[in-house]
N, C-alpha and C. Protein backbone atom coordinates (compact mmCIF):
# COMPACT_ATOMS: atom_id res chain seq x y z
N UNK A 1 -42.05 -7.09 -18.99
CA UNK A 1 -41.96 -5.80 -19.66
C UNK A 1 -40.75 -5.04 -19.15
N UNK A 2 -40.06 -4.40 -20.01
CA UNK A 2 -38.86 -3.66 -19.67
C UNK A 2 -39.17 -2.45 -18.79
N UNK A 3 -38.29 -2.19 -17.84
CA UNK A 3 -38.45 -1.00 -17.00
C UNK A 3 -38.30 0.26 -17.82
N UNK A 4 -37.66 0.16 -18.98
CA UNK A 4 -37.47 1.32 -19.84
C UNK A 4 -38.75 1.65 -20.60
N UNK A 5 -39.68 0.70 -20.67
CA UNK A 5 -40.93 0.94 -21.38
C UNK A 5 -41.92 1.63 -20.45
N UNK A 6 -42.89 2.27 -21.03
CA UNK A 6 -43.94 2.93 -20.26
C UNK A 6 -44.75 1.89 -19.51
N UNK A 7 -45.18 2.18 -18.32
CA UNK A 7 -45.95 1.27 -17.48
C UNK A 7 -47.24 0.84 -18.19
N UNK A 8 -47.34 -0.44 -18.55
CA UNK A 8 -48.49 -0.95 -19.28
C UNK A 8 -49.77 -0.90 -18.44
N UNK A 9 -49.64 -0.87 -17.12
CA UNK A 9 -50.83 -0.84 -16.27
C UNK A 9 -51.65 0.43 -16.51
N UNK A 10 -51.03 1.44 -17.08
CA UNK A 10 -51.75 2.69 -17.35
C UNK A 10 -52.66 2.55 -18.56
N UNK A 11 -52.34 1.67 -19.49
CA UNK A 11 -53.14 1.45 -20.71
C UNK A 11 -53.29 2.70 -21.54
N UNK A 12 -52.40 3.65 -21.32
CA UNK A 12 -52.41 4.91 -22.07
C UNK A 12 -50.97 5.27 -22.35
N UNK A 13 -50.70 5.74 -23.57
CA UNK A 13 -49.34 6.03 -23.97
C UNK A 13 -49.29 7.43 -24.56
N UNK A 14 -48.55 8.31 -23.92
CA UNK A 14 -48.47 9.71 -24.35
C UNK A 14 -47.21 9.93 -25.17
N UNK A 15 -47.34 10.69 -26.25
CA UNK A 15 -46.22 10.96 -27.13
C UNK A 15 -45.06 11.62 -26.38
N UNK A 16 -45.36 12.58 -25.51
CA UNK A 16 -44.30 13.26 -24.77
C UNK A 16 -43.52 12.29 -23.88
N UNK A 17 -44.22 11.32 -23.26
CA UNK A 17 -43.54 10.31 -22.45
C UNK A 17 -42.69 9.40 -23.33
N UNK A 18 -43.25 8.98 -24.46
CA UNK A 18 -42.53 8.08 -25.36
C UNK A 18 -41.27 8.73 -25.90
N UNK A 19 -41.32 10.03 -26.17
CA UNK A 19 -40.16 10.74 -26.69
C UNK A 19 -39.00 10.83 -25.72
N UNK A 20 -39.25 10.56 -24.45
CA UNK A 20 -38.20 10.62 -23.43
C UNK A 20 -37.54 9.27 -23.18
N UNK A 21 -38.07 8.21 -23.79
CA UNK A 21 -37.51 6.87 -23.58
C UNK A 21 -36.16 6.73 -24.28
N UNK A 22 -35.23 6.01 -23.66
CA UNK A 22 -33.92 5.82 -24.29
C UNK A 22 -34.03 4.85 -25.47
N UNK A 23 -33.14 5.03 -26.43
CA UNK A 23 -33.07 4.11 -27.56
C UNK A 23 -32.18 2.93 -27.19
N UNK A 24 -32.69 1.71 -27.35
CA UNK A 24 -31.84 0.55 -27.07
C UNK A 24 -30.68 0.48 -28.05
N UNK A 25 -29.60 -0.14 -27.63
CA UNK A 25 -28.42 -0.30 -28.49
C UNK A 25 -28.81 -0.92 -29.82
N UNK A 26 -28.42 -0.27 -30.91
CA UNK A 26 -28.69 -0.78 -32.24
C UNK A 26 -30.10 -0.55 -32.76
N UNK A 27 -30.95 0.14 -32.01
CA UNK A 27 -32.32 0.41 -32.44
C UNK A 27 -32.50 1.89 -32.72
N UNK A 28 -33.45 2.21 -33.61
CA UNK A 28 -33.75 3.61 -33.93
C UNK A 28 -35.09 4.05 -33.37
N UNK A 29 -35.78 3.12 -32.69
CA UNK A 29 -37.06 3.46 -32.09
C UNK A 29 -37.10 2.93 -30.66
N UNK A 30 -37.86 3.61 -29.81
CA UNK A 30 -37.94 3.25 -28.40
C UNK A 30 -39.16 2.38 -28.14
N UNK A 31 -39.00 1.33 -27.35
CA UNK A 31 -40.09 0.44 -26.99
C UNK A 31 -41.06 1.15 -26.05
N UNK A 32 -42.33 1.10 -26.37
CA UNK A 32 -43.36 1.70 -25.55
C UNK A 32 -44.21 0.62 -24.88
N UNK A 33 -44.60 -0.41 -25.65
CA UNK A 33 -45.50 -1.45 -25.14
C UNK A 33 -45.33 -2.71 -25.97
N UNK A 34 -45.40 -3.87 -25.31
CA UNK A 34 -45.32 -5.15 -26.01
C UNK A 34 -46.35 -6.11 -25.41
N UNK A 35 -47.09 -6.80 -26.29
CA UNK A 35 -48.07 -7.78 -25.85
C UNK A 35 -48.27 -8.78 -26.99
N UNK A 36 -47.89 -10.04 -26.77
CA UNK A 36 -47.99 -11.04 -27.84
C UNK A 36 -47.15 -10.61 -29.03
N UNK A 37 -47.76 -10.57 -30.22
CA UNK A 37 -47.03 -10.13 -31.41
C UNK A 37 -47.06 -8.61 -31.57
N UNK A 38 -47.83 -7.92 -30.74
CA UNK A 38 -47.96 -6.46 -30.83
C UNK A 38 -46.76 -5.77 -30.19
N UNK A 39 -46.15 -4.87 -30.93
CA UNK A 39 -45.01 -4.10 -30.44
C UNK A 39 -45.26 -2.64 -30.84
N UNK A 40 -45.44 -1.76 -29.85
CA UNK A 40 -45.65 -0.34 -30.11
C UNK A 40 -44.36 0.39 -29.77
N UNK A 41 -43.91 1.22 -30.72
CA UNK A 41 -42.65 1.93 -30.56
C UNK A 41 -42.84 3.40 -30.91
N UNK A 42 -41.90 4.22 -30.49
CA UNK A 42 -41.86 5.64 -30.83
C UNK A 42 -40.67 5.84 -31.75
N UNK A 43 -40.90 6.52 -32.88
CA UNK A 43 -39.84 6.72 -33.87
C UNK A 43 -39.77 8.20 -34.23
N UNK A 44 -38.60 8.78 -34.09
CA UNK A 44 -38.38 10.19 -34.40
C UNK A 44 -37.00 10.36 -35.02
N UNK A 45 -36.83 9.91 -36.27
CA UNK A 45 -35.51 10.03 -36.89
C UNK A 45 -35.14 11.49 -37.10
N UNK A 46 -33.87 11.76 -37.15
CA UNK A 46 -33.39 13.11 -37.42
C UNK A 46 -32.46 13.06 -38.63
N UNK A 47 -32.71 13.93 -39.60
CA UNK A 47 -31.87 14.00 -40.79
C UNK A 47 -32.30 13.04 -41.87
N UNK A 48 -31.99 11.76 -41.68
CA UNK A 48 -32.36 10.73 -42.65
C UNK A 48 -33.02 9.56 -41.95
N UNK A 49 -33.67 8.73 -42.74
CA UNK A 49 -34.32 7.53 -42.23
C UNK A 49 -33.70 6.32 -42.93
N UNK A 50 -32.73 5.68 -42.28
CA UNK A 50 -32.00 4.59 -42.93
C UNK A 50 -32.62 3.21 -42.73
N UNK A 51 -33.89 3.14 -42.34
CA UNK A 51 -34.44 1.83 -42.01
C UNK A 51 -34.50 0.87 -43.20
N UNK A 52 -34.54 -0.39 -42.88
CA UNK A 52 -34.63 -1.47 -43.87
C UNK A 52 -35.95 -2.21 -43.63
N UNK A 53 -36.37 -3.07 -44.57
CA UNK A 53 -37.64 -3.79 -44.38
C UNK A 53 -37.67 -4.58 -43.07
N UNK A 54 -38.87 -4.70 -42.51
CA UNK A 54 -39.07 -5.42 -41.25
C UNK A 54 -39.75 -6.76 -41.52
N UNK A 55 -39.66 -7.66 -40.55
CA UNK A 55 -40.23 -8.99 -40.76
C UNK A 55 -41.67 -9.13 -40.28
N UNK A 56 -42.28 -8.04 -39.80
CA UNK A 56 -43.70 -8.02 -39.43
C UNK A 56 -44.39 -6.90 -40.19
N UNK A 57 -45.72 -7.02 -40.35
CA UNK A 57 -46.50 -5.90 -40.88
C UNK A 57 -46.37 -4.75 -39.89
N UNK A 58 -46.52 -3.52 -40.41
CA UNK A 58 -46.42 -2.38 -39.50
C UNK A 58 -47.35 -1.24 -39.94
N UNK A 59 -47.74 -0.48 -38.93
CA UNK A 59 -48.59 0.70 -39.12
C UNK A 59 -47.88 1.86 -38.45
N UNK A 60 -47.84 2.99 -39.15
CA UNK A 60 -47.32 4.23 -38.57
C UNK A 60 -48.52 5.16 -38.34
N UNK A 61 -48.55 5.81 -37.20
CA UNK A 61 -49.53 6.86 -36.92
C UNK A 61 -48.72 8.12 -36.69
N UNK A 62 -48.77 9.03 -37.66
CA UNK A 62 -47.95 10.23 -37.62
C UNK A 62 -48.56 11.23 -36.63
N UNK A 63 -47.75 11.66 -35.69
CA UNK A 63 -48.20 12.61 -34.67
C UNK A 63 -47.77 14.04 -35.00
N UNK A 64 -46.52 14.20 -35.42
CA UNK A 64 -45.98 15.53 -35.71
C UNK A 64 -45.13 15.48 -36.97
N UNK A 65 -45.07 16.60 -37.65
CA UNK A 65 -44.19 16.72 -38.80
C UNK A 65 -44.84 16.30 -40.10
N UNK A 66 -44.09 16.48 -41.17
CA UNK A 66 -44.58 16.13 -42.51
C UNK A 66 -43.38 15.83 -43.40
N UNK A 67 -43.67 15.27 -44.55
CA UNK A 67 -42.62 14.94 -45.50
C UNK A 67 -43.14 13.97 -46.53
N UNK A 68 -42.27 13.10 -46.99
CA UNK A 68 -42.61 12.09 -47.99
C UNK A 68 -42.41 10.71 -47.40
N UNK A 69 -43.31 9.79 -47.74
CA UNK A 69 -43.20 8.40 -47.33
C UNK A 69 -42.98 7.58 -48.59
N UNK A 70 -41.88 6.85 -48.64
CA UNK A 70 -41.53 6.04 -49.80
C UNK A 70 -41.77 4.57 -49.49
N UNK A 71 -42.58 3.92 -50.32
CA UNK A 71 -42.88 2.50 -50.16
C UNK A 71 -42.72 1.83 -51.51
N UNK A 72 -41.80 0.88 -51.58
CA UNK A 72 -41.57 0.10 -52.80
C UNK A 72 -41.43 1.00 -54.03
N UNK A 73 -40.71 2.12 -53.87
CA UNK A 73 -40.44 3.01 -54.99
C UNK A 73 -41.50 4.05 -55.27
N UNK A 74 -42.57 4.08 -54.49
CA UNK A 74 -43.63 5.07 -54.66
C UNK A 74 -43.57 6.07 -53.51
N UNK A 75 -43.67 7.37 -53.84
CA UNK A 75 -43.64 8.43 -52.82
C UNK A 75 -45.02 9.04 -52.65
N UNK A 76 -45.38 9.29 -51.39
CA UNK A 76 -46.63 9.98 -51.08
C UNK A 76 -46.38 10.93 -49.93
N UNK A 77 -47.08 12.07 -49.93
CA UNK A 77 -46.95 13.05 -48.84
C UNK A 77 -47.58 12.49 -47.58
N UNK A 78 -47.03 12.89 -46.43
CA UNK A 78 -47.64 12.53 -45.15
C UNK A 78 -47.59 13.73 -44.23
N UNK A 79 -48.47 13.71 -43.24
CA UNK A 79 -48.52 14.76 -42.23
C UNK A 79 -49.20 14.25 -40.98
N UNK A 80 -49.39 15.12 -39.99
CA UNK A 80 -50.02 14.73 -38.73
C UNK A 80 -51.37 14.06 -38.95
N UNK A 81 -51.62 13.04 -38.16
CA UNK A 81 -52.87 12.26 -38.15
C UNK A 81 -52.97 11.26 -39.29
N UNK A 82 -51.97 11.19 -40.17
CA UNK A 82 -51.98 10.17 -41.21
C UNK A 82 -51.65 8.81 -40.62
N UNK A 83 -52.27 7.78 -41.19
CA UNK A 83 -51.99 6.39 -40.83
C UNK A 83 -51.40 5.74 -42.08
N UNK A 84 -50.23 5.13 -41.93
CA UNK A 84 -49.51 4.53 -43.06
C UNK A 84 -49.28 3.05 -42.78
N UNK A 85 -49.51 2.19 -43.77
CA UNK A 85 -49.34 0.75 -43.61
C UNK A 85 -48.21 0.26 -44.51
N UNK A 86 -47.42 -0.68 -43.99
CA UNK A 86 -46.37 -1.32 -44.79
C UNK A 86 -46.40 -2.82 -44.51
N UNK A 87 -46.60 -3.63 -45.55
CA UNK A 87 -46.54 -5.08 -45.34
C UNK A 87 -45.11 -5.52 -44.99
N UNK A 88 -45.00 -6.62 -44.30
CA UNK A 88 -43.69 -7.16 -43.95
C UNK A 88 -42.83 -7.35 -45.19
N UNK A 89 -41.54 -7.04 -45.05
CA UNK A 89 -40.58 -7.30 -46.11
C UNK A 89 -40.51 -6.27 -47.21
N UNK A 90 -41.33 -5.22 -47.16
CA UNK A 90 -41.36 -4.20 -48.21
C UNK A 90 -40.43 -3.04 -47.85
N UNK A 91 -39.63 -2.62 -48.81
CA UNK A 91 -38.71 -1.49 -48.62
C UNK A 91 -39.52 -0.21 -48.41
N UNK A 92 -39.16 0.56 -47.39
CA UNK A 92 -39.87 1.81 -47.10
C UNK A 92 -38.99 2.72 -46.25
N UNK A 93 -39.32 4.02 -46.30
CA UNK A 93 -38.62 5.00 -45.46
C UNK A 93 -39.32 6.35 -45.55
N UNK A 94 -39.00 7.20 -44.61
CA UNK A 94 -39.46 8.58 -44.63
C UNK A 94 -38.37 9.43 -45.26
N UNK A 95 -38.76 10.41 -46.07
CA UNK A 95 -37.78 11.24 -46.77
C UNK A 95 -38.20 12.71 -46.69
N UNK A 96 -37.21 13.58 -46.73
CA UNK A 96 -37.45 15.03 -46.75
C UNK A 96 -38.49 15.44 -45.70
N UNK A 97 -38.33 14.92 -44.48
CA UNK A 97 -39.29 15.21 -43.41
C UNK A 97 -38.80 16.37 -42.55
N UNK A 98 -39.75 17.00 -41.87
CA UNK A 98 -39.45 18.15 -41.03
C UNK A 98 -38.73 17.70 -39.75
N UNK A 99 -38.05 18.65 -39.12
CA UNK A 99 -37.26 18.36 -37.92
C UNK A 99 -38.10 17.91 -36.72
N UNK A 100 -39.40 18.21 -36.74
CA UNK A 100 -40.26 17.84 -35.61
C UNK A 100 -40.99 16.51 -35.83
N UNK A 101 -40.61 15.75 -36.84
CA UNK A 101 -41.29 14.50 -37.18
C UNK A 101 -41.22 13.48 -36.04
N UNK A 102 -42.40 12.97 -35.64
CA UNK A 102 -42.52 11.90 -34.65
C UNK A 102 -43.70 11.03 -35.04
N UNK A 103 -43.53 9.72 -34.89
CA UNK A 103 -44.59 8.79 -35.24
C UNK A 103 -44.62 7.61 -34.29
N UNK A 104 -45.81 7.07 -34.09
CA UNK A 104 -45.96 5.79 -33.43
C UNK A 104 -45.70 4.73 -34.49
N UNK A 105 -45.06 3.64 -34.11
CA UNK A 105 -44.87 2.50 -35.01
C UNK A 105 -45.49 1.29 -34.32
N UNK A 106 -46.37 0.62 -35.03
CA UNK A 106 -47.05 -0.55 -34.48
C UNK A 106 -46.69 -1.76 -35.35
N UNK A 107 -45.93 -2.69 -34.78
CA UNK A 107 -45.61 -3.95 -35.44
C UNK A 107 -46.59 -4.99 -34.90
N UNK A 108 -47.04 -5.90 -35.78
CA UNK A 108 -47.97 -6.92 -35.33
C UNK A 108 -47.94 -8.12 -36.26
N UNK A 109 -48.48 -9.22 -35.78
CA UNK A 109 -48.64 -10.42 -36.60
C UNK A 109 -47.39 -11.27 -36.68
N UNK A 110 -47.50 -12.35 -37.44
CA UNK A 110 -46.39 -13.30 -37.54
C UNK A 110 -45.25 -12.76 -38.39
N UNK A 111 -44.08 -13.36 -38.24
CA UNK A 111 -42.96 -13.03 -39.12
C UNK A 111 -43.38 -13.37 -40.54
N UNK A 112 -43.07 -12.45 -41.46
CA UNK A 112 -43.52 -12.62 -42.83
C UNK A 112 -44.82 -11.88 -43.12
N UNK A 113 -45.49 -11.42 -42.06
CA UNK A 113 -46.72 -10.65 -42.22
C UNK A 113 -47.98 -11.49 -42.26
N UNK A 114 -49.11 -10.82 -42.14
CA UNK A 114 -50.41 -11.48 -42.16
C UNK A 114 -50.63 -12.23 -43.47
N UNK A 115 -50.09 -11.69 -44.58
CA UNK A 115 -50.25 -12.32 -45.89
C UNK A 115 -49.50 -13.63 -46.02
N UNK A 116 -48.62 -13.93 -45.08
CA UNK A 116 -47.81 -15.14 -45.15
C UNK A 116 -48.57 -16.37 -44.65
N UNK A 117 -49.73 -16.16 -44.03
CA UNK A 117 -50.50 -17.29 -43.46
C UNK A 117 -51.06 -18.17 -44.53
């Protein structure tokens, strides 16, 4: 486990701690925890969200902020405590979100997503 990630021995991950982690070169989210195929990250884009489809299924747990979540051309409102799912390979992004937007990102499963099995 990376020294830049939160100590996994704690088994608890706080948003305030995650928000202080450095962003790795070329990444827009900070690594919080990794175990097997599970990858938990902290994501707090500012201005725009230029992300592209990922090769694993993912779940977002919105902690702060609100805006629009676009998935495969469909827009839906989001806010704190919302849980959002995106299958692997699907185009998605956050749009028109507030300046305080922060979310947990949970990647899991095989490349291609659970549906690829």
